[in-house]
Amino acid sequence: MRIVVQRTTEAAVKIDGEIHGAINRGLVVLVGIETEDTKEDADWLIQKICGLRIFSDEEGKMNLSAQDIKGEFLVISQFTLHASTKKGNRPSYIKAARPEIAIPLYEYFIEELMVKSEAKVATGVFGADMKVSLVNDGPVTIWIDSKNRE
């Protein structure tokens, strides 16, 4: 499971021109799921993003987590995080999980993030054509893969 985390002061996702989810200060989390991913991968990533100290403290140092600042989360499914660009110019998505595997794991990720973070968790819709807007604060953007834990 691969995620991209972006620190934001505000973010929203629109579907068919309507706002489906929006947050204020917090994290936008783009989630890509591979066929081999499990709930263990999701749990590890949730723990990681809840404790990730990328918000500034009173001295301006990145010392605080989303939980410390009572931040919110916007979670968006994004199979393109598993694009392979080794051959040619057209990315291959062969590693991305099919919907029958990815949807239950994506839903599990959202539910567990709500429980563990005790924060507002807004979402997109799996497989929908979404328009995501955000103010990337910093900018701070971090890529985390559950297969690279060491």
Protein backbone atom coordinates (compact mmCIF):
# COMPACT_ATOMS: atom_id res chain seq x y z
CA MET A 1 0.00 0.00 0.00
CA ARG A 2 1.38 3.35 -0.99
CA ILE A 3 0.28 6.79 0.18
CA VAL A 4 1.15 10.38 -0.55
CA VAL A 5 0.54 12.73 2.37
CA GLN A 6 0.23 16.48 1.85
CA ARG A 7 0.02 18.97 4.69
CA THR A 8 -2.79 21.40 3.99
CA THR A 9 -4.56 24.43 5.36
CA GLU A 10 -7.66 23.51 3.35
CA ALA A 11 -8.69 20.88 0.84
CA ALA A 12 -11.77 19.63 -0.97
CA VAL A 13 -12.83 16.97 -3.44
CA LYS A 14 -15.57 17.58 -5.99
CA ILE A 15 -17.52 14.96 -7.89
CA ASP A 16 -19.75 16.10 -10.75
CA GLY A 17 -19.16 19.71 -9.70
CA GLU A 18 -20.39 19.16 -6.13
CA ILE A 19 -18.19 19.16 -3.02
CA HIS A 20 -18.17 15.62 -1.67
CA GLY A 21 -15.62 16.11 1.12
CA ALA A 22 -13.69 19.03 2.56
CA ILE A 23 -11.31 19.69 5.42
CA ASN A 24 -9.49 22.56 7.03
CA ARG A 25 -6.01 22.20 8.52
CA GLY A 26 -4.75 18.64 8.29
CA LEU A 27 -3.60 16.05 5.79
CA VAL A 28 -4.67 15.03 2.32
CA VAL A 29 -3.92 11.32 1.99
CA LEU A 30 -3.81 9.77 -1.48
CA VAL A 31 -4.09 5.98 -1.17
CA GLY A 32 -2.90 3.42 -3.73
CA ILE A 33 -3.60 -0.26 -3.09
CA GLU A 34 -1.73 -3.23 -4.59
CA THR A 35 -3.10 -6.73 -5.02
CA GLU A 36 -0.90 -8.12 -2.20
CA ASP A 37 -1.84 -5.42 0.35
CA THR A 38 -3.52 -6.42 3.61
CA LYS A 39 -5.13 -4.84 6.65
CA GLU A 40 -1.68 -5.01 8.27
CA ASP A 41 -0.38 -2.61 5.61
CA ALA A 42 -3.31 -0.26 6.26
CA ASP A 43 -2.82 -0.41 10.05
CA TRP A 44 0.89 0.37 9.74
CA LEU A 45 0.23 3.36 7.46
CA ILE A 46 -2.54 4.69 9.71
CA GLN A 47 -0.24 4.55 12.72
CA LYS A 48 2.45 6.28 10.69
CA ILE A 49 0.31 9.17 9.45
CA CYS A 50 -1.38 9.73 12.81
CA GLY A 51 2.01 10.15 14.45
CA LEU A 52 3.84 11.87 11.59
CA ARG A 53 5.33 15.05 13.06
CA ILE A 54 5.09 17.47 10.14
CA PHE A 55 3.20 20.40 11.67
CA SER A 56 5.08 23.35 13.13
CA ASP A 57 5.30 23.94 16.86
CA GLU A 58 5.49 27.39 18.47
CA GLU A 59 9.18 27.61 17.48
CA GLY A 60 8.43 26.87 13.83
CA LYS A 61 9.92 23.34 13.93
CA MET A 62 8.05 20.39 12.46
CA ASN A 63 7.41 18.71 15.79
CA LEU A 64 3.64 18.18 15.93
CA SER A 65 1.41 15.47 14.49
CA ALA A 66 -2.05 15.81 13.00
CA GLN A 67 -3.40 14.49 16.28
CA ASP A 68 -1.46 17.12 18.25
CA ILE A 69 -3.05 19.95 16.26
CA LYS A 70 -6.48 18.29 16.04
CA GLY A 71 -6.03 18.11 12.27
CA GLU A 72 -8.48 16.65 9.80
CA PHE A 73 -7.96 14.11 7.00
CA LEU A 74 -9.11 13.97 3.39
CA VAL A 75 -8.61 10.44 2.01
CA ILE A 76 -8.68 9.88 -1.75
CA SER A 77 -8.20 6.58 -3.57
CA GLN A 78 -5.52 6.83 -6.26
CA PHE A 79 -4.52 3.71 -8.18
CA THR A 80 -2.08 5.75 -10.27
CA LEU A 81 0.35 5.72 -7.31
CA HIS A 82 1.29 2.24 -8.55
CA ALA A 83 2.09 3.34 -12.10
CA SER A 84 5.08 1.65 -13.65
CA THR A 85 6.91 3.82 -16.18
CA LYS A 86 9.80 1.46 -16.94
CA LYS A 87 8.72 0.72 -20.51
CA GLY A 88 7.59 3.32 -23.02
CA ASN A 89 5.61 6.43 -22.22
CA ARG A 90 2.27 4.93 -21.26
CA PRO A 91 2.20 3.94 -17.57
CA SER A 92 1.20 0.41 -16.63
CA TYR A 93 -1.05 -0.13 -13.62
CA ILE A 94 -0.63 -3.91 -13.43
CA LYS A 95 0.32 -3.75 -9.71
CA ALA A 96 -2.78 -1.76 -8.71
CA ALA A 97 -5.44 -3.92 -7.04
CA ARG A 98 -8.71 -4.58 -8.83
CA PRO A 99 -11.81 -3.01 -7.23
CA GLU A 100 -12.96 -6.26 -5.55
CA ILE A 101 -9.72 -6.23 -3.52
CA ALA A 102 -9.10 -2.49 -3.29
CA ILE A 103 -12.53 -1.22 -2.23
CA PRO A 104 -12.82 -3.26 1.01
CA LEU A 105 -9.25 -2.30 1.97
CA TYR A 106 -9.85 1.38 1.14
CA GLU A 107 -13.01 1.35 3.26
CA TYR A 108 -11.14 -0.39 6.09
CA PHE A 109 -8.41 2.28 5.89
CA ILE A 110 -10.99 5.06 6.25
CA GLU A 111 -12.86 3.39 9.13
CA GLU A 112 -9.68 2.62 11.07
CA LEU A 113 -8.30 6.12 10.48
CA MET A 114 -11.50 7.55 11.98
CA VAL A 115 -11.14 5.33 15.04
CA LYS A 116 -7.39 5.78 15.57
CA SER A 117 -7.23 9.51 14.86
CA GLU A 118 -10.52 10.48 16.51
CA ALA A 119 -10.61 13.22 13.86
CA LYS A 120 -12.81 14.29 10.99
CA VAL A 121 -12.10 12.10 7.97
CA ALA A 122 -13.57 13.28 4.68
CA THR A 123 -13.28 11.13 1.55
CA GLY A 124 -13.66 10.92 -2.16
CA VAL A 125 -15.50 8.07 -3.89
CA PHE A 126 -13.55 5.05 -5.04
CA GLY A 127 -13.31 4.97 -8.83
CA ALA A 128 -15.05 8.31 -9.36
CA ASP A 129 -13.72 11.11 -11.54
CA MET A 130 -12.70 13.53 -8.80
CA LYS A 131 -11.35 17.06 -8.76
CA VAL A 132 -9.13 17.55 -5.73
CA SER A 133 -8.05 21.01 -4.64
CA LEU A 134 -5.80 21.89 -1.76
CA VAL A 135 -3.50 24.49 -0.36
CA ASN A 136 -0.30 22.51 0.21
CA ASP A 137 1.10 24.12 3.35
CA GLY A 138 4.88 24.45 3.19
CA PRO A 139 4.75 22.74 0.73
CA VAL A 140 5.04 19.46 2.60
CA THR A 141 4.50 16.27 0.58
CA ILE A 142 5.62 12.84 1.81
CA TRP A 143 5.48 9.47 0.05
CA ILE A 144 5.19 6.34 2.24
CA ASP A 145 5.07 2.71 1.07
CA SER A 146 4.11 -0.07 3.49
CA LYS A 147 6.51 -2.39 1.66
CA ASN A 148 9.48 -0.15 2.66
CA ARG A 149 9.23 -0.25 6.44
CA GLU A 150 12.94 -0.55 7.17
